[in-house]
Amino acid sequence: DNFFSRIEEVGRPMERVVEAVATGRVDAGLIKAGLMELMLAA
């Protein structure tokens, strides 16, 4: 509950979490395993 300074809820689809991390909006993202590989394939 207190590990991160803040946790931002970006809503679905989960690709929004990846975008938030890649663009520097947040430091880290919590996603389900497999999403990164599927996005890379796409």
All heavy atoms as atom14 arrays in JSON, in Angstrom:
{
  "sequence": "DNFFSRIEEVGRPMERVVEAVATGRVDAGLIKAGLMELMLAA",
  "atom14_mask": [
    [1, 1, 1, 1, 1, 1, 1, 1, 0, 0, 0, 0, 0, 0],
    [1, 1, 1, 1, 1, 1, 1, 1, 0, 0, 0, 0, 0, 0],
    [1, 1, 1, 1, 1, 1, 1, 1, 1, 1, 1, 0, 0, 0],
    [1, 1, 1, 1, 1, 1, 1, 1, 1, 1, 1, 0, 0, 0],
    [1, 1, 1, 1, 1, 1, 0, 0, 0, 0, 0, 0, 0, 0],
    [1, 1, 1, 1, 1, 1, 1, 1, 1, 1, 1, 0, 0, 0],
    [1, 1, 1, 1, 1, 1, 1, 1, 0, 0, 0, 0, 0, 0],
    [1, 1, 1, 1, 1, 1, 1, 1, 1, 0, 0, 0, 0, 0],
    [1, 1, 1, 1, 1, 1, 1, 1, 1, 0, 0, 0, 0, 0],
    [1, 1, 1, 1, 1, 1, 1, 0, 0, 0, 0, 0, 0, 0],
    [1, 1, 1, 1, 0, 0, 0, 0, 0, 0, 0, 0, 0, 0],
    [1, 1, 1, 1, 1, 1, 1, 1, 1, 1, 1, 0, 0, 0],
    [1, 1, 1, 1, 1, 1, 1, 0, 0, 0, 0, 0, 0, 0],
    [1, 1, 1, 1, 1, 1, 1, 1, 0, 0, 0, 0, 0, 0],
    [1, 1, 1, 1, 1, 1, 1, 1, 1, 0, 0, 0, 0, 0],
    [1, 1, 1, 1, 1, 1, 1, 1, 1, 1, 1, 0, 0, 0],
    [1, 1, 1, 1, 1, 1, 1, 0, 0, 0, 0, 0, 0, 0],
    [1, 1, 1, 1, 1, 1, 1, 0, 0, 0, 0, 0, 0, 0],
    [1, 1, 1, 1, 1, 1, 1, 1, 1, 0, 0, 0, 0, 0],
    [1, 1, 1, 1, 1, 0, 0, 0, 0, 0, 0, 0, 0, 0],
    [1, 1, 1, 1, 1, 1, 1, 0, 0, 0, 0, 0, 0, 0],
    [1, 1, 1, 1, 1, 0, 0, 0, 0, 0, 0, 0, 0, 0],
    [1, 1, 1, 1, 1, 1, 1, 0, 0, 0, 0, 0, 0, 0],
    [1, 1, 1, 1, 0, 0, 0, 0, 0, 0, 0, 0, 0, 0],
    [1, 1, 1, 1, 1, 1, 1, 1, 1, 1, 1, 0, 0, 0],
    [1, 1, 1, 1, 1, 1, 1, 0, 0, 0, 0, 0, 0, 0],
    [1, 1, 1, 1, 1, 1, 1, 1, 0, 0, 0, 0, 0, 0],
    [1, 1, 1, 1, 1, 0, 0, 0, 0, 0, 0, 0, 0, 0],
    [1, 1, 1, 1, 0, 0, 0, 0, 0, 0, 0, 0, 0, 0],
    [1, 1, 1, 1, 1, 1, 1, 1, 0, 0, 0, 0, 0, 0],
    [1, 1, 1, 1, 1, 1, 1, 1, 0, 0, 0, 0, 0, 0],
    [1, 1, 1, 1, 1, 1, 1, 1, 1, 0, 0, 0, 0, 0],
    [1, 1, 1, 1, 1, 0, 0, 0, 0, 0, 0, 0, 0, 0],
    [1, 1, 1, 1, 0, 0, 0, 0, 0, 0, 0, 0, 0, 0],
    [1, 1, 1, 1, 1, 1, 1, 1, 0, 0, 0, 0, 0, 0],
    [1, 1, 1, 1, 1, 1, 1, 1, 0, 0, 0, 0, 0, 0],
    [1, 1, 1, 1, 1, 1, 1, 1, 1, 0, 0, 0, 0, 0],
    [1, 1, 1, 1, 1, 1, 1, 1, 0, 0, 0, 0, 0, 0],
    [1, 1, 1, 1, 1, 1, 1, 1, 0, 0, 0, 0, 0, 0],
    [1, 1, 1, 1, 1, 1, 1, 1, 0, 0, 0, 0, 0, 0],
    [1, 1, 1, 1, 1, 0, 0, 0, 0, 0, 0, 0, 0, 0],
    [1, 1, 1, 1, 1, 0, 0, 0, 0, 0, 0, 0, 0, 0]
  ],
  "atom14_positions": [
    [[0.81, -1.22, 0.0], [0.0, 0.0, 0.0], [0.84, 1.26, 0.0], [0.37, 2.34, -0.39], [-0.94, 0.01, 1.21], [-2.01, -1.06, 1.12], [-2.38, -1.43, -0.01], [-2.45, -1.56, 2.18], [0.0, 0.0, 0.0], [0.0, 0.0, 0.0], [0.0, 0.0, 0.0], [0.0, 0.0, 0.0], [0.0, 0.0, 0.0], [0.0, 0.0, 0.0]],
    [[2.08, 1.16, 0.48], [2.93, 2.34, 0.61], [4.28, 2.2, -0.1], [5.17, 3.02, 0.09], [3.19, 2.64, 2.1], [1.9, 2.94, 2.85], [1.21, 3.89, 2.53], [1.58, 2.11, 3.83], [0.0, 0.0, 0.0], [0.0, 0.0, 0.0], [0.0, 0.0, 0.0], [0.0, 0.0, 0.0], [0.0, 0.0, 0.0], [0.0, 0.0, 0.0]],
    [[4.4, 1.17, -0.93], [5.67, 0.94, -1.63], [5.92, 2.01, -2.69], [7.01, 2.58, -2.78], [5.66, -0.45, -2.28], [6.92, -0.81, -2.98], [8.03, -1.24, -2.26], [7.01, -0.73, -4.36], [9.21, -1.57, -2.92], [8.18, -1.06, -5.03], [9.29, -1.48, -4.3], [0.0, 0.0, 0.0], [0.0, 0.0, 0.0], [0.0, 0.0, 0.0]],
    [[4.91, 2.3, -3.51], [5.03, 3.33, -4.54], [4.57, 4.68, -3.98], [3.71, 4.74, -3.1], [4.17, 2.98, -5.76], [4.63, 1.76, -6.49], [3.93, 0.56, -6.38], [5.75, 1.78, -7.3], [4.34, -0.57, -7.05], [6.19, 0.65, -7.98], [5.48, -0.53, -7.86], [0.0, 0.0, 0.0], [0.0, 0.0, 0.0], [0.0, 0.0, 0.0]],
    [[5.15, 5.75, -4.52], [4.72, 7.09, -4.09], [3.3, 7.36, -4.55], [2.54, 8.03, -3.85], [5.67, 8.14, -4.67], [5.66, 8.1, -6.1], [0.0, 0.0, 0.0], [0.0, 0.0, 0.0], [0.0, 0.0, 0.0], [0.0, 0.0, 0.0], [0.0, 0.0, 0.0], [0.0, 0.0, 0.0], [0.0, 0.0, 0.0], [0.0, 0.0, 0.0]],
    [[2.93, 6.84, -5.7], [1.55, 6.92, -6.19], [1.32, 5.82, -7.2], [2.27, 5.36, -7.88], [1.27, 8.28, -6.83], [2.03, 8.58, -8.1], [1.72, 9.96, -8.65], [2.52, 10.27, -9.83], [2.15, 10.01, -11.08], [0.96, 9.46, -11.31], [2.94, 10.32, -12.1], [0.0, 0.0, 0.0], [0.0, 0.0, 0.0], [0.0, 0.0, 0.0]],
    [[0.08, 5.37, -7.28], [-0.33, 4.39, -8.28], [-1.44, 5.01, -9.09], [-2.51, 5.34, -8.57], [-0.79, 3.07, -7.64], [0.36, 2.41, -6.88], [-1.32, 2.12, -8.71], [-0.03, 1.09, -6.21], [0.0, 0.0, 0.0], [0.0, 0.0, 0.0], [0.0, 0.0, 0.0], [0.0, 0.0, 0.0], [0.0, 0.0, 0.0], [0.0, 0.0, 0.0]],
    [[-1.2, 5.19, -10.38], [-2.18, 5.81, -11.27], [-2.99, 4.75, -11.99], [-2.42, 3.83, -12.6], [-1.46, 6.7, -12.28], [-2.4, 7.44, -13.21], [-1.66, 8.34, -14.19], [-0.47, 8.62, -13.94], [-2.27, 8.75, -15.19], [0.0, 0.0, 0.0], [0.0, 0.0, 0.0], [0.0, 0.0, 0.0], [0.0, 0.0, 0.0], [0.0, 0.0, 0.0]],
    [[-4.29, 4.85, -11.91], [-5.18, 3.94, -12.64], [-5.48, 4.54, -14.01], [-6.13, 5.58, -14.11], [-6.47, 3.71, -11.85], [-6.28, 2.98, -10.53], [-7.57, 2.76, -9.78], [-8.26, 3.75, -9.48], [-7.91, 1.59, -9.51], [0.0, 0.0, 0.0], [0.0, 0.0, 0.0], [0.0, 0.0, 0.0], [0.0, 0.0, 0.0], [0.0, 0.0, 0.0]],
    [[-5.02, 3.86, -15.06], [-5.19, 4.39, -16.42], [-6.34, 3.74, -17.16], [-6.69, 4.16, -18.27], [-3.88, 4.25, -17.22], [-2.76, 5.02, -16.57], [-3.49, 2.78, -17.38], [0.0, 0.0, 0.0], [0.0, 0.0, 0.0], [0.0, 0.0, 0.0], [0.0, 0.0, 0.0], [0.0, 0.0, 0.0], [0.0, 0.0, 0.0], [0.0, 0.0, 0.0]],
    [[-6.94, 2.69, -16.58], [-8.06, 2.02, -17.23], [-7.62, 1.07, -18.33], [-6.44, 0.91, -18.62], [0.0, 0.0, 0.0], [0.0, 0.0, 0.0], [0.0, 0.0, 0.0], [0.0, 0.0, 0.0], [0.0, 0.0, 0.0], [0.0, 0.0, 0.0], [0.0, 0.0, 0.0], [0.0, 0.0, 0.0], [0.0, 0.0, 0.0], [0.0, 0.0, 0.0]],
    [[-8.62, 0.4, -18.91], [-8.35, -0.55, -19.98], [-8.42, 0.16, -21.31], [-9.04, 1.21, -21.42], [-9.37, -1.7, -19.93], [-9.34, -2.46, -18.6], [-10.25, -3.66, -18.66], [-9.69, -4.69, -19.53], [-8.83, -5.62, -19.13], [-8.41, -5.64, -17.88], [-8.38, -6.51, -19.96], [0.0, 0.0, 0.0], [0.0, 0.0, 0.0], [0.0, 0.0, 0.0]],
    [[-7.76, -0.37, -22.36], [-7.01, -1.63, -22.36], [-5.66, -1.5, -21.65], [-5.17, -0.39, -21.42], [-6.82, -1.92, -23.85], [-6.79, -0.57, -24.48], [-7.78, 0.25, -23.7], [0.0, 0.0, 0.0], [0.0, 0.0, 0.0], [0.0, 0.0, 0.0], [0.0, 0.0, 0.0], [0.0, 0.0, 0.0], [0.0, 0.0, 0.0], [0.0, 0.0, 0.0]],
    [[-5.06, -2.64, -21.35], [-3.85, -2.65, -20.55], [-2.66, -2.05, -21.3], [-1.66, -1.68, -20.68], [-3.53, -4.09, -20.12], [-2.61, -4.19, -18.92], [-2.3, -5.91, -18.44], [-3.94, -6.42, -17.96], [0.0, 0.0, 0.0], [0.0, 0.0, 0.0], [0.0, 0.0, 0.0], [0.0, 0.0, 0.0], [0.0, 0.0, 0.0], [0.0, 0.0, 0.0]],
    [[-2.77, -1.93, -22.61], [-1.7, -1.29, -23.38], [-1.44, 0.14, -22.9], [-0.33, 0.68, -23.1], [-2.06, -1.28, -24.87], [-1.93, -2.63, -25.55], [-3.17, -3.5, -25.38], [-4.05, -3.16, -24.56], [-3.26, -4.52, -26.07], [0.0, 0.0, 0.0], [0.0, 0.0, 0.0], [0.0, 0.0, 0.0], [0.0, 0.0, 0.0], [0.0, 0.0, 0.0]],
    [[-2.43, 0.76, -22.28], [-2.25, 2.11, -21.76], [-1.17, 2.16, -20.68], [-0.47, 3.16, -20.53], [-3.57, 2.64, -21.2], [-4.65, 2.89, -22.24], [-5.91, 3.38, -21.56], [-6.98, 3.61, -22.53], [-8.23, 3.95, -22.19], [-8.54, 4.11, -20.91], [-9.14, 4.13, -23.12], [0.0, 0.0, 0.0], [0.0, 0.0, 0.0], [0.0, 0.0, 0.0]],
    [[-1.05, 1.08, -19.91], [-0.01, 1.01, -18.88], [1.37, 1.03, -19.53], [2.28, 1.74, -19.09], [-0.19, -0.24, -18.0], [0.93, -0.34, -16.97], [-1.55, -0.24, -17.31], [0.0, 0.0, 0.0], [0.0, 0.0, 0.0], [0.0, 0.0, 0.0], [0.0, 0.0, 0.0], [0.0, 0.0, 0.0], [0.0, 0.0, 0.0], [0.0, 0.0, 0.0]],
    [[1.52, 0.23, -20.59], [2.79, 0.19, -21.31], [3.13, 1.56, -21.88], [4.27, 2.03, -21.8], [2.74, -0.88, -22.43], [4.04, -0.9, -23.22], [2.46, -2.26, -21.84], [0.0, 0.0, 0.0], [0.0, 0.0, 0.0], [0.0, 0.0, 0.0], [0.0, 0.0, 0.0], [0.0, 0.0, 0.0], [0.0, 0.0, 0.0], [0.0, 0.0, 0.0]],
    [[2.15, 2.21, -22.46], [2.36, 3.55, -23.02], [2.78, 4.55, -21.94], [3.67, 5.39, -22.16], [1.09, 4.03, -23.73], [1.23, 5.39, -24.36], [-0.06, 5.84, -25.05], [-1.01, 5.03, -25.14], [-0.1, 7.01, -25.49], [0.0, 0.0, 0.0], [0.0, 0.0, 0.0], [0.0, 0.0, 0.0], [0.0, 0.0, 0.0], [0.0, 0.0, 0.0]],
    [[2.15, 4.46, -20.76], [2.47, 5.39, -19.67], [3.92, 5.24, -19.23], [4.58, 6.22, -18.9], [1.52, 5.16, -18.5], [0.0, 0.0, 0.0], [0.0, 0.0, 0.0], [0.0, 0.0, 0.0], [0.0, 0.0, 0.0], [0.0, 0.0, 0.0], [0.0, 0.0, 0.0], [0.0, 0.0, 0.0], [0.0, 0.0, 0.0], [0.0, 0.0, 0.0]],
    [[4.42, 4.01, -19.23], [5.82, 3.78, -18.84], [6.76, 4.22, -19.96], [7.75, 4.91, -19.72], [6.05, 2.29, -18.51], [7.52, 2.02, -18.2], [5.18, 1.86, -17.33], [0.0, 0.0, 0.0], [0.0, 0.0, 0.0], [0.0, 0.0, 0.0], [0.0, 0.0, 0.0], [0.0, 0.0, 0.0], [0.0, 0.0, 0.0], [0.0, 0.0, 0.0]],
    [[6.46, 3.84, -21.19], [7.34, 4.13, -22.32], [7.5, 5.63, -22.55], [8.58, 6.09, -22.97], [6.81, 3.46, -23.58], [0.0, 0.0, 0.0], [0.0, 0.0, 0.0], [0.0, 0.0, 0.0], [0.0, 0.0, 0.0], [0.0, 0.0, 0.0], [0.0, 0.0, 0.0], [0.0, 0.0, 0.0], [0.0, 0.0, 0.0], [0.0, 0.0, 0.0]],
    [[6.46, 6.4, -22.27], [6.51, 7.85, -22.49], [7.01, 8.62, -21.28], [7.07, 9.86, -21.32], [5.12, 8.37, -22.89], [4.17, 8.02, -21.85], [4.66, 7.75, -24.2], [0.0, 0.0, 0.0], [0.0, 0.0, 0.0], [0.0, 0.0, 0.0], [0.0, 0.0, 0.0], [0.0, 0.0, 0.0], [0.0, 0.0, 0.0], [0.0, 0.0, 0.0]],
    [[7.34, 7.92, -20.2], [7.88, 8.58, -19.01], [6.84, 9.2, -18.1], [7.18, 9.94, -17.18], [0.0, 0.0, 0.0], [0.0, 0.0, 0.0], [0.0, 0.0, 0.0], [0.0, 0.0, 0.0], [0.0, 0.0, 0.0], [0.0, 0.0, 0.0], [0.0, 0.0, 0.0], [0.0, 0.0, 0.0], [0.0, 0.0, 0.0], [0.0, 0.0, 0.0]],
    [[5.59, 8.88, -18.34], [4.53, 9.41, -17.47], [4.65, 8.85, -16.06], [4.34, 9.54, -15.08], [3.19, 9.05, -18.1], [1.96, 9.55, -17.38], [0.78, 9.35, -18.3], [-0.46, 9.17, -17.57], [-1.6, 8.79, -18.14], [-1.64, 8.54, -19.44], [-2.7, 8.66, -17.43], [0.0, 0.0, 0.0], [0.0, 0.0, 0.0], [0.0, 0.0, 0.0]],
    [[5.06, 7.59, -15.94], [5.31, 6.95, -14.65], [6.61, 6.19, -14.73], [7.15, 5.94, -15.82], [4.16, 5.99, -14.25], [2.88, 6.75, -13.96], [3.94, 4.95, -15.34], [0.0, 0.0, 0.0], [0.0, 0.0, 0.0], [0.0, 0.0, 0.0], [0.0, 0.0, 0.0], [0.0, 0.0, 0.0], [0.0, 0.0, 0.0], [0.0, 0.0, 0.0]],
    [[7.12, 5.78, -13.58], [8.4, 5.06, -13.54], [8.24, 3.57, -13.84], [9.17, 2.95, -14.39], [9.04, 5.22, -12.16], [9.34, 6.68, -11.84], [10.05, 7.32, -12.62], [8.84, 7.17, -10.79], [0.0, 0.0, 0.0], [0.0, 0.0, 0.0], [0.0, 0.0, 0.0], [0.0, 0.0, 0.0], [0.0, 0.0, 0.0], [0.0, 0.0, 0.0]],
    [[7.12, 3.0, -13.44], [6.93, 1.56, -13.6], [5.48, 1.27, -13.96], [4.58, 2.09, -13.75], [7.31, 0.83, -12.32], [0.0, 0.0, 0.0], [0.0, 0.0, 0.0], [0.0, 0.0, 0.0], [0.0, 0.0, 0.0], [0.0, 0.0, 0.0], [0.0, 0.0, 0.0], [0.0, 0.0, 0.0], [0.0, 0.0, 0.0], [0.0, 0.0, 0.0]],
    [[5.26, 0.08, -14.49], [3.91, -0.36, -14.83], [3.68, -1.78, -14.37], [4.62, -2.6, -14.37], [0.0, 0.0, 0.0], [0.0, 0.0, 0.0], [0.0, 0.0, 0.0], [0.0, 0.0, 0.0], [0.0, 0.0, 0.0], [0.0, 0.0, 0.0], [0.0, 0.0, 0.0], [0.0, 0.0, 0.0], [0.0, 0.0, 0.0], [0.0, 0.0, 0.0]],
    [[2.47, -2.07, -13.96], [2.1, -3.43, -13.55], [1.18, -3.98, -14.62], [0.05, -3.52, -14.79], [1.41, -3.4, -12.19], [2.07, -2.58, -11.07], [1.32, -2.75, -9.76], [3.52, -2.95, -10.91], [0.0, 0.0, 0.0], [0.0, 0.0, 0.0], [0.0, 0.0, 0.0], [0.0, 0.0, 0.0], [0.0, 0.0, 0.0], [0.0, 0.0, 0.0]],
    [[1.66, -4.98, -15.35], [0.89, -5.59, -16.43], [0.86, -7.09, -16.24], [1.58, -7.65, -15.4], [1.47, -5.25, -17.81], [2.89, -5.84, -17.96], [1.47, -3.73, -18.05], [3.48, -5.7, -19.35], [0.0, 0.0, 0.0], [0.0, 0.0, 0.0], [0.0, 0.0, 0.0], [0.0, 0.0, 0.0], [0.0, 0.0, 0.0], [0.0, 0.0, 0.0]],
    [[0.03, -7.76, -17.02], [-0.01, -9.21, -16.94], [1.08, -9.79, -17.82], [1.43, -9.22, -18.87], [-1.38, -9.76, -17.34], [-1.67, -9.8, -18.81], [-3.06, -10.33, -19.03], [-3.32, -10.58, -20.51], [-2.52, -11.7, -21.03], [0.0, 0.0, 0.0], [0.0, 0.0, 0.0], [0.0, 0.0, 0.0], [0.0, 0.0, 0.0], [0.0, 0.0, 0.0]],
    [[1.64, -10.91, -17.41], [2.68, -11.57, -18.18], [2.16, -11.94, -19.56], [1.04, -12.43, -19.7], [3.15, -12.82, -17.44], [0.0, 0.0, 0.0], [0.0, 0.0, 0.0], [0.0, 0.0, 0.0], [0.0, 0.0, 0.0], [0.0, 0.0, 0.0], [0.0, 0.0, 0.0], [0.0, 0.0, 0.0], [0.0, 0.0, 0.0], [0.0, 0.0, 0.0]],
    [[2.96, -11.68, -20.57], [2.59, -12.01, -21.94], [2.18, -10.81, -22.76], [2.28, -10.84, -23.99], [0.0, 0.0, 0.0], [0.0, 0.0, 0.0], [0.0, 0.0, 0.0], [0.0, 0.0, 0.0], [0.0, 0.0, 0.0], [0.0, 0.0, 0.0], [0.0, 0.0, 0.0], [0.0, 0.0, 0.0], [0.0, 0.0, 0.0], [0.0, 0.0, 0.0]],
    [[1.75, -9.75, -22.1], [1.3, -8.58, -22.86], [2.45, -7.95, -23.64], [2.29, -7.59, -24.81], [0.68, -7.54, -21.91], [0.23, -6.24, -22.59], [-0.88, -6.51, -23.59], [-0.22, -5.22, -21.55], [0.0, 0.0, 0.0], [0.0, 0.0, 0.0], [0.0, 0.0, 0.0], [0.0, 0.0, 0.0], [0.0, 0.0, 0.0], [0.0, 0.0, 0.0]],
    [[3.62, -7.82, -23.02], [4.76, -7.2, -23.7], [5.13, -8.0, -24.95], [5.36, -7.43, -26.02], [5.95, -7.1, -22.76], [7.11, -6.31, -23.36], [8.59, -6.32, -22.32], [9.19, -7.99, -22.61], [0.0, 0.0, 0.0], [0.0, 0.0, 0.0], [0.0, 0.0, 0.0], [0.0, 0.0, 0.0], [0.0, 0.0, 0.0], [0.0, 0.0, 0.0]],
    [[5.2, -9.33, -24.83], [5.56, -10.16, -25.98], [4.54, -10.03, -27.11], [4.9, -9.96, -28.29], [5.67, -11.63, -25.55], [6.89, -11.93, -24.67], [6.62, -11.75, -23.19], [5.66, -11.04, -22.84], [7.37, -12.31, -22.37], [0.0, 0.0, 0.0], [0.0, 0.0, 0.0], [0.0, 0.0, 0.0], [0.0, 0.0, 0.0], [0.0, 0.0, 0.0]],
    [[3.27, -9.98, -26.75], [2.23, -9.86, -27.76], [2.27, -8.49, -28.44], [2.05, -8.39, -29.65], [0.85, -10.09, -27.12], [0.6, -11.52, -26.63], [-0.62, -11.57, -25.73], [0.43, -12.46, -27.81], [0.0, 0.0, 0.0], [0.0, 0.0, 0.0], [0.0, 0.0, 0.0], [0.0, 0.0, 0.0], [0.0, 0.0, 0.0], [0.0, 0.0, 0.0]],
    [[2.56, -7.46, -27.69], [2.67, -6.12, -28.28], [3.91, -6.03, -29.18], [3.88, -5.38, -30.24], [2.73, -5.07, -27.18], [1.42, -4.89, -26.43], [1.52, -3.62, -25.13], [1.72, -2.12, -26.11], [0.0, 0.0, 0.0], [0.0, 0.0, 0.0], [0.0, 0.0, 0.0], [0.0, 0.0, 0.0], [0.0, 0.0, 0.0], [0.0, 0.0, 0.0]],
    [[5.0, -6.68, -28.78], [6.19, -6.7, -29.63], [5.91, -7.42, -30.94], [6.35, -6.97, -32.02], [7.34, -7.4, -28.89], [8.04, -6.6, -27.79], [9.0, -7.49, -27.02], [8.77, -5.38, -28.37], [0.0, 0.0, 0.0], [0.0, 0.0, 0.0], [0.0, 0.0, 0.0], [0.0, 0.0, 0.0], [0.0, 0.0, 0.0], [0.0, 0.0, 0.0]],
    [[5.18, -8.53, -30.86], [4.84, -9.27, -32.07], [3.95, -8.44, -32.99], [3.99, -8.59, -34.22], [4.15, -10.58, -31.71], [0.0, 0.0, 0.0], [0.0, 0.0, 0.0], [0.0, 0.0, 0.0], [0.0, 0.0, 0.0], [0.0, 0.0, 0.0], [0.0, 0.0, 0.0], [0.0, 0.0, 0.0], [0.0, 0.0, 0.0], [0.0, 0.0, 0.0]],
    [[3.15, -7.56, -32.4], [2.27, -6.7, -33.18], [2.98, -5.44, -33.68], [2.37, -4.63, -34.38], [1.05, -6.31, -32.36], [0.0, 0.0, 0.0], [0.0, 0.0, 0.0], [0.0, 0.0, 0.0], [0.0, 0.0, 0.0], [0.0, 0.0, 0.0], [0.0, 0.0, 0.0], [0.0, 0.0, 0.0], [0.0, 0.0, 0.0], [0.0, 0.0, 0.0]]
  ]
}
